[in-house]
Amino acid sequence: MLAKAKKWGNSIGFVIPAEIVKRERIRPGDAVDLVVRRRVPKLEELGGTLKLHHKLEDLLRLMEEGWDDL
């Protein structure tokens, strides 16, 4: 499930879609476990231009081998 964080008073909250609430039978006051991962947008979603400080093939290689060689 993908959800955007929203300002809620002095906190940040998430809305759980109704289909998940129904499927998981979540009720107000229920405790739920959340797995939080920051979503990294795909390049095509960013739009505009991308200015790289390194060659693309070097960056792709480093993603596989590790960043210590940079």
PDB file of N, CA and C in Angstrom:
ATOM      1  N   MET A   1       0.845  -1.172   0.000  1.00  0.00           N
ATOM      2  CA  MET A   1       0.000   0.000   0.000  1.00  0.00           C
ATOM      3  C   MET A   1       0.888   1.232   0.000  1.00  0.00           C
ATOM      4  N   LEU A   2       0.565   2.194  -0.801  1.00  0.00           N
ATOM      5  CA  LEU A   2       1.285   3.450  -0.853  1.00  0.00           C
ATOM      6  C   LEU A   2       0.407   4.527  -0.250  1.00  0.00           C
ATOM      7  N   ALA A   3       0.929   5.275   0.695  1.00  0.00           N
ATOM      8  CA  ALA A   3       0.166   6.352   1.327  1.00  0.00           C
ATOM      9  C   ALA A   3       1.076   7.559   1.491  1.00  0.00           C
ATOM     10  N   LYS A   4       0.500   8.734   1.394  1.00  0.00           N
ATOM     11  CA  LYS A   4       1.251   9.965   1.617  1.00  0.00           C
ATOM     12  C   LYS A   4       1.059  10.419   3.054  1.00  0.00           C
ATOM     13  N   ALA A   5       2.155  10.901   3.639  1.00  0.00           N
ATOM     14  CA  ALA A   5       2.080  11.450   4.985  1.00  0.00           C
ATOM     15  C   ALA A   5       1.342  12.780   4.925  1.00  0.00           C
ATOM     16  N   LYS A   6       0.471  13.014   5.915  1.00  0.00           N
ATOM     17  CA  LYS A   6      -0.311  14.253   5.963  1.00  0.00           C
ATOM     18  C   LYS A   6      -0.165  14.891   7.336  1.00  0.00           C
ATOM     19  N   LYS A   7      -0.127  16.193   7.353  1.00  0.00           N
ATOM     20  CA  LYS A   7      -0.060  16.927   8.609  1.00  0.00           C
ATOM     21  C   LYS A   7      -1.365  16.724   9.376  1.00  0.00           C
ATOM     22  N   TRP A   8      -1.249  16.426  10.654  1.00  0.00           N
ATOM     23  CA  TRP A   8      -2.408  16.175  11.492  1.00  0.00           C
ATOM     24  C   TRP A   8      -2.120  16.795  12.853  1.00  0.00           C
ATOM     25  N   GLY A   9      -2.502  18.049  13.039  1.00  0.00           N
ATOM     26  CA  GLY A   9      -2.147  18.781  14.257  1.00  0.00           C
ATOM     27  C   GLY A   9      -0.643  18.983  14.299  1.00  0.00           C
ATOM     28  N   ASN A  10      -0.018  18.583  15.398  1.00  0.00           N
ATOM     29  CA  ASN A  10       1.442  18.658  15.517  1.00  0.00           C
ATOM     30  C   ASN A  10       2.118  17.362  15.083  1.00  0.00           C
ATOM     31  N   SER A  11       1.348  16.445  14.540  1.00  0.00           N
ATOM     32  CA  SER A  11       1.866  15.136  14.153  1.00  0.00           C
ATOM     33  C   SER A  11       1.725  14.935  12.653  1.00  0.00           C
ATOM     34  N   ILE A  12       2.114  13.779  12.199  1.00  0.00           N
ATOM     35  CA  ILE A  12       1.914  13.357  10.818  1.00  0.00           C
ATOM     36  C   ILE A  12       1.106  12.071  10.874  1.00  0.00           C
ATOM     37  N   GLY A  13       0.105  11.955  10.006  1.00  0.00           N
ATOM     38  CA  GLY A  13      -0.739  10.769  10.012  1.00  0.00           C
ATOM     39  C   GLY A  13      -0.902  10.182   8.629  1.00  0.00           C
ATOM     40  N   PHE A  14      -1.402   8.976   8.586  1.00  0.00           N
ATOM     41  CA  PHE A  14      -1.680   8.263   7.347  1.00  0.00           C
ATOM     42  C   PHE A  14      -3.122   7.778   7.384  1.00  0.00           C
ATOM     43  N   VAL A  15      -3.771   7.793   6.227  1.00  0.00           N
ATOM     44  CA  VAL A  15      -5.121   7.264   6.110  1.00  0.00           C
ATOM     45  C   VAL A  15      -5.016   5.853   5.540  1.00  0.00           C
ATOM     46  N   ILE A  16      -5.631   4.904   6.218  1.00  0.00           N
ATOM     47  CA  ILE A  16      -5.642   3.528   5.724  1.00  0.00           C
ATOM     48  C   ILE A  16      -6.841   3.391   4.797  1.00  0.00           C
ATOM     49  N   PRO A  17      -6.629   2.998   3.548  1.00  0.00           N
ATOM     50  CA  PRO A  17      -7.752   2.869   2.607  1.00  0.00           C
ATOM     51  C   PRO A  17      -8.822   1.905   3.128  1.00  0.00           C
ATOM     52  N   ALA A  18     -10.079   2.228   2.799  1.00  0.00           N
ATOM     53  CA  ALA A  18     -11.221   1.453   3.288  1.00  0.00           C
ATOM     54  C   ALA A  18     -11.118  -0.025   2.943  1.00  0.00           C
ATOM     55  N   GLU A  19     -10.607  -0.354   1.750  1.00  0.00           N
ATOM     56  CA  GLU A  19     -10.512  -1.770   1.366  1.00  0.00           C
ATOM     57  C   GLU A  19      -9.590  -2.551   2.298  1.00  0.00           C
ATOM     58  N   ILE A  20      -8.534  -1.910   2.784  1.00  0.00           N
ATOM     59  CA  ILE A  20      -7.620  -2.584   3.720  1.00  0.00           C
ATOM     60  C   ILE A  20      -8.268  -2.675   5.092  1.00  0.00           C
ATOM     61  N   VAL A  21      -8.958  -1.609   5.508  1.00  0.00           N
ATOM     62  CA  VAL A  21      -9.671  -1.637   6.789  1.00  0.00           C
ATOM     63  C   VAL A  21     -10.666  -2.788   6.814  1.00  0.00           C
ATOM     64  N   LYS A  22     -11.421  -2.947   5.729  1.00  0.00           N
ATOM     65  CA  LYS A  22     -12.413  -4.036   5.664  1.00  0.00           C
ATOM     66  C   LYS A  22     -11.741  -5.400   5.634  1.00  0.00           C
ATOM     67  N   ARG A  23     -10.719  -5.531   4.765  1.00  0.00           N
ATOM     68  CA  ARG A  23     -10.055  -6.830   4.607  1.00  0.00           C
ATOM     69  C   ARG A  23      -9.405  -7.289   5.904  1.00  0.00           C
ATOM     70  N   GLU A  24      -8.778  -6.346   6.625  1.00  0.00           N
ATOM     71  CA  GLU A  24      -8.058  -6.696   7.858  1.00  0.00           C
ATOM     72  C   GLU A  24      -8.935  -6.555   9.112  1.00  0.00           C
ATOM     73  N   ARG A  25     -10.183  -6.105   8.896  1.00  0.00           N
ATOM     74  CA  ARG A  25     -11.134  -5.917  10.001  1.00  0.00           C
ATOM     75  C   ARG A  25     -10.566  -5.015  11.101  1.00  0.00           C
ATOM     76  N   ILE A  26     -10.022  -3.896  10.691  1.00  0.00           N
ATOM     77  CA  ILE A  26      -9.437  -2.939  11.631  1.00  0.00           C
ATOM     78  C   ILE A  26     -10.551  -2.079  12.221  1.00  0.00           C
ATOM     79  N   ARG A  27     -10.536  -1.948  13.521  1.00  0.00           N
ATOM     80  CA  ARG A  27     -11.522  -1.148  14.249  1.00  0.00           C
ATOM     81  C   ARG A  27     -10.793  -0.012  14.973  1.00  0.00           C
ATOM     82  N   PRO A  28     -11.505   1.093  15.257  1.00  0.00           N
ATOM     83  CA  PRO A  28     -10.882   2.164  16.044  1.00  0.00           C
ATOM     84  C   PRO A  28     -10.348   1.616  17.366  1.00  0.00           C
ATOM     85  N   GLY A  29      -9.142   2.014  17.703  1.00  0.00           N
ATOM     86  CA  GLY A  29      -8.501   1.545  18.931  1.00  0.00           C
ATOM     87  C   GLY A  29      -7.658   0.299  18.762  1.00  0.00           C
ATOM     88  N   ASP A  30      -7.761  -0.381  17.604  1.00  0.00           N
ATOM     89  CA  ASP A  30      -6.928  -1.563  17.350  1.00  0.00           C
ATOM     90  C   ASP A  30      -5.457  -1.159  17.223  1.00  0.00           C
ATOM     91  N   ALA A  31      -4.588  -2.012  17.705  1.00  0.00           N
ATOM     92  CA  ALA A  31      -3.152  -1.824  17.503  1.00  0.00           C
ATOM     93  C   ALA A  31      -2.774  -2.519  16.196  1.00  0.00           C
ATOM     94  N   VAL A  32      -1.994  -1.848  15.366  1.00  0.00           N
ATOM     95  CA  VAL A  32      -1.558  -2.433  14.103  1.00  0.00           C
ATOM     96  C   VAL A  32      -0.046  -2.271  13.976  1.00  0.00           C
ATOM     97  N   ASP A  33       0.592  -3.219  13.325  1.00  0.00           N
ATOM     98  CA  ASP A  33       2.011  -3.115  13.017  1.00  0.00           C
ATOM     99  C   ASP A  33       2.160  -2.445  11.658  1.00  0.00           C
ATOM    100  N   LEU A  34       3.052  -1.484  11.564  1.00  0.00           N
ATOM    101  CA  LEU A  34       3.327  -0.809  10.299  1.00  0.00           C
ATOM    102  C   LEU A  34       4.745  -1.101   9.865  1.00  0.00           C
ATOM    103  N   VAL A  35       4.936  -1.309   8.590  1.00  0.00           N
ATOM    104  CA  VAL A  35       6.271  -1.409   8.014  1.00  0.00           C
ATOM    105  C   VAL A  35       6.474  -0.120   7.235  1.00  0.00           C
ATOM    106  N   VAL A  36       7.444   0.679   7.654  1.00  0.00           N
ATOM    107  CA  VAL A  36       7.654   1.990   7.040  1.00  0.00           C
ATOM    108  C   VAL A  36       8.920   1.965   6.199  1.00  0.00           C
ATOM    109  N   ARG A  37       8.751   2.313   4.925  1.00  0.00           N
ATOM    110  CA  ARG A  37       9.878   2.460   4.011  1.00  0.00           C
ATOM    111  C   ARG A  37       9.630   3.733   3.236  1.00  0.00           C
ATOM    112  N   ARG A  38      10.637   4.563   3.160  1.00  0.00           N
ATOM    113  CA  ARG A  38      10.504   5.779   2.355  1.00  0.00           C
ATOM    114  C   ARG A  38      10.555   5.372   0.901  1.00  0.00           C
ATOM    115  N   ARG A  39       9.570   5.791   0.137  1.00  0.00           N
ATOM    116  CA  ARG A  39       9.489   5.437  -1.277  1.00  0.00           C
ATOM    117  C   ARG A  39      10.380   6.368  -2.084  1.00  0.00           C
ATOM    118  N   VAL A  40      11.236   5.769  -2.895  1.00  0.00           N
ATOM    119  CA  VAL A  40      12.093   6.531  -3.797  1.00  0.00           C
ATOM    120  C   VAL A  40      11.409   6.559  -5.158  1.00  0.00           C
ATOM    121  N   PRO A  41      11.104   7.757  -5.681  1.00  0.00           N
ATOM    122  CA  PRO A  41      10.406   7.815  -6.968  1.00  0.00           C
ATOM    123  C   PRO A  41      11.263   7.271  -8.107  1.00  0.00           C
ATOM    124  N   LYS A  42      10.611   6.705  -9.112  1.00  0.00           N
ATOM    125  CA  LYS A  42      11.302   6.252 -10.308  1.00  0.00           C
ATOM    126  C   LYS A  42      11.753   7.472 -11.089  1.00  0.00           C
ATOM    127  N   LEU A  43      12.829   7.341 -11.855  1.00  0.00           N
ATOM    128  CA  LEU A  43      13.361   8.476 -12.608  1.00  0.00           C
ATOM    129  C   LEU A  43      12.314   9.118 -13.502  1.00  0.00           C
ATOM    130  N   GLU A  44      11.487   8.309 -14.169  1.00  0.00           N
ATOM    131  CA  GLU A  44      10.496   8.873 -15.080  1.00  0.00           C
ATOM    132  C   GLU A  44       9.409   9.664 -14.344  1.00  0.00           C
ATOM    133  N   GLU A  45       9.245   9.425 -13.038  1.00  0.00           N
ATOM    134  CA  GLU A  45       8.268  10.175 -12.257  1.00  0.00           C
ATOM    135  C   GLU A  45       8.780  11.556 -11.852  1.00  0.00           C
ATOM    136  N   LEU A  46      10.098  11.733 -11.882  1.00  0.00           N
ATOM    137  CA  LEU A  46      10.673  12.996 -11.456  1.00  0.00           C
ATOM    138  C   LEU A  46      10.465  14.105 -12.481  1.00  0.00           C
ATOM    139  N   GLY A  47      10.457  13.749 -13.764  1.00  0.00           N
ATOM    140  CA  GLY A  47      10.302  14.756 -14.810  1.00  0.00           C
ATOM    141  C   GLY A  47      11.524  15.670 -14.851  1.00  0.00           C
ATOM    142  N   GLY A  48      11.512  16.613 -15.754  1.00  0.00           N
ATOM    143  CA  GLY A  48      12.619  17.557 -15.845  1.00  0.00           C
ATOM    144  C   GLY A  48      13.894  16.888 -16.299  1.00  0.00           C
ATOM    145  N   THR A  49      15.007  17.502 -15.955  1.00  0.00           N
ATOM    146  CA  THR A  49      16.306  16.969 -16.353  1.00  0.00           C
ATOM    147  C   THR A  49      17.072  16.522 -15.122  1.00  0.00           C
ATOM    148  N   LEU A  50      18.015  15.647 -15.345  1.00  0.00           N
ATOM    149  CA  LEU A  50      18.819  15.113 -14.269  1.00  0.00           C
ATOM    150  C   LEU A  50      20.280  15.409 -14.581  1.00  0.00           C
ATOM    151  N   LYS A  51      20.946  16.137 -13.699  1.00  0.00           N
ATOM    152  CA  LYS A  51      22.350  16.478 -13.902  1.00  0.00           C
ATOM    153  C   LYS A  51      23.192  15.568 -13.005  1.00  0.00           C
ATOM    154  N   LEU A  52      23.999  14.728 -13.630  1.00  0.00           N
ATOM    155  CA  LEU A  52      24.818  13.775 -12.894  1.00  0.00           C
ATOM    156  C   LEU A  52      26.231  14.307 -12.740  1.00  0.00           C
ATOM    157  N   HIS A  53      26.835  14.049 -11.595  1.00  0.00           N
ATOM    158  CA  HIS A  53      28.218  14.433 -11.358  1.00  0.00           C
ATOM    159  C   HIS A  53      29.175  13.297 -11.722  1.00  0.00           C
ATOM    160  N   HIS A  54      28.607  12.126 -12.003  1.00  0.00           N
ATOM    161  CA  HIS A  54      29.391  10.958 -12.374  1.00  0.00           C
ATOM    162  C   HIS A  54      28.742  10.321 -13.598  1.00  0.00           C
ATOM    163  N   LYS A  55      29.496   9.510 -14.314  1.00  0.00           N
ATOM    164  CA  LYS A  55      28.940   8.808 -15.471  1.00  0.00           C
ATOM    165  C   LYS A  55      27.879   7.820 -15.009  1.00  0.00           C
ATOM    166  N   LEU A  56      26.819   7.714 -15.794  1.00  0.00           N
ATOM    167  CA  LEU A  56      25.708   6.838 -15.440  1.00  0.00           C
ATOM    168  C   LEU A  56      26.174   5.392 -15.263  1.00  0.00           C
ATOM    169  N   GLU A  57      27.040   4.902 -16.160  1.00  0.00           N
ATOM    170  CA  GLU A  57      27.488   3.517 -16.025  1.00  0.00           C
ATOM    171  C   GLU A  57      28.286   3.305 -14.738  1.00  0.00           C
ATOM    172  N   ASP A  58      29.025   4.349 -14.277  1.00  0.00           N
ATOM    173  CA  ASP A  58      29.748   4.241 -13.003  1.00  0.00           C
ATOM    174  C   ASP A  58      28.771   4.166 -11.835  1.00  0.00           C
ATOM    175  N   LEU A  59      27.715   4.980 -11.882  1.00  0.00           N
ATOM    176  CA  LEU A  59      26.717   4.954 -10.819  1.00  0.00           C
ATOM    177  C   LEU A  59      25.998   3.612 -10.762  1.00  0.00           C
ATOM    178  N   LEU A  60      25.656   3.063 -11.930  1.00  0.00           N
ATOM    179  CA  LEU A  60      24.985   1.766 -11.961  1.00  0.00           C
ATOM    180  C   LEU A  60      25.892   0.666 -11.428  1.00  0.00           C
ATOM    181  N   ARG A  61      27.168   0.721 -11.784  1.00  0.00           N
ATOM    182  CA  ARG A  61      28.131  -0.265 -11.276  1.00  0.00           C
ATOM    183  C   ARG A  61      28.262  -0.144  -9.760  1.00  0.00           C
ATOM    184  N   LEU A  62      28.328   1.092  -9.266  1.00  0.00           N
ATOM    185  CA  LEU A  62      28.473   1.301  -7.830  1.00  0.00           C
ATOM    186  C   LEU A  62      27.243   0.840  -7.061  1.00  0.00           C
ATOM    187  N   MET A  63      26.075   0.929  -7.679  1.00  0.00           N
ATOM    188  CA  MET A  63      24.862   0.438  -7.019  1.00  0.00           C
ATOM    189  C   MET A  63      24.950  -1.062  -6.790  1.00  0.00           C
ATOM    190  N   GLU A  64      25.599  -1.770  -7.692  1.00  0.00           N
ATOM    191  CA  GLU A  64      25.744  -3.219  -7.542  1.00  0.00           C
ATOM    192  C   GLU A  64      26.909  -3.585  -6.640  1.00  0.00           C
ATOM    193  N   GLU A  65      28.028  -2.855  -6.769  1.00  0.00           N
ATOM    194  CA  GLU A  65      29.261  -3.239  -6.065  1.00  0.00           C
ATOM    195  C   GLU A  65      29.440  -2.539  -4.726  1.00  0.00           C
ATOM    196  N   GLY A  66      28.844  -1.376  -4.560  1.00  0.00           N
ATOM    197  CA  GLY A  66      28.999  -0.603  -3.323  1.00  0.00           C
ATOM    198  C   GLY A  66      29.570   0.773  -3.616  1.00  0.00           C
ATOM    199  N   TRP A  67      29.338   1.687  -2.676  1.00  0.00           N
ATOM    200  CA  TRP A  67      29.695   3.103  -2.874  1.00  0.00           C
ATOM    201  C   TRP A  67      31.106   3.419  -2.401  1.00  0.00           C
ATOM    202  N   ASP A  68      31.825   2.483  -1.822  1.00  0.00           N
ATOM    203  CA  ASP A  68      33.155   2.768  -1.284  1.00  0.00           C
ATOM    204  C   ASP A  68      34.155   3.167  -2.365  1.00  0.00           C
ATOM    205  N   ASP A  69      33.913   2.768  -3.617  1.00  0.00           N
ATOM    206  CA  ASP A  69      34.850   3.047  -4.702  1.00  0.00           C
ATOM    207  C   ASP A  69      34.699   4.444  -5.286  1.00  0.00           C
ATOM    208  N   LEU A  70      33.690   5.188  -4.881  1.00  0.00           N
ATOM    209  CA  LEU A  70      33.405   6.497  -5.452  1.00  0.00           C
ATOM    210  C   LEU A  70      34.394   7.532  -5.015  1.00  0.00           C
TER     211      LEU A  70
END
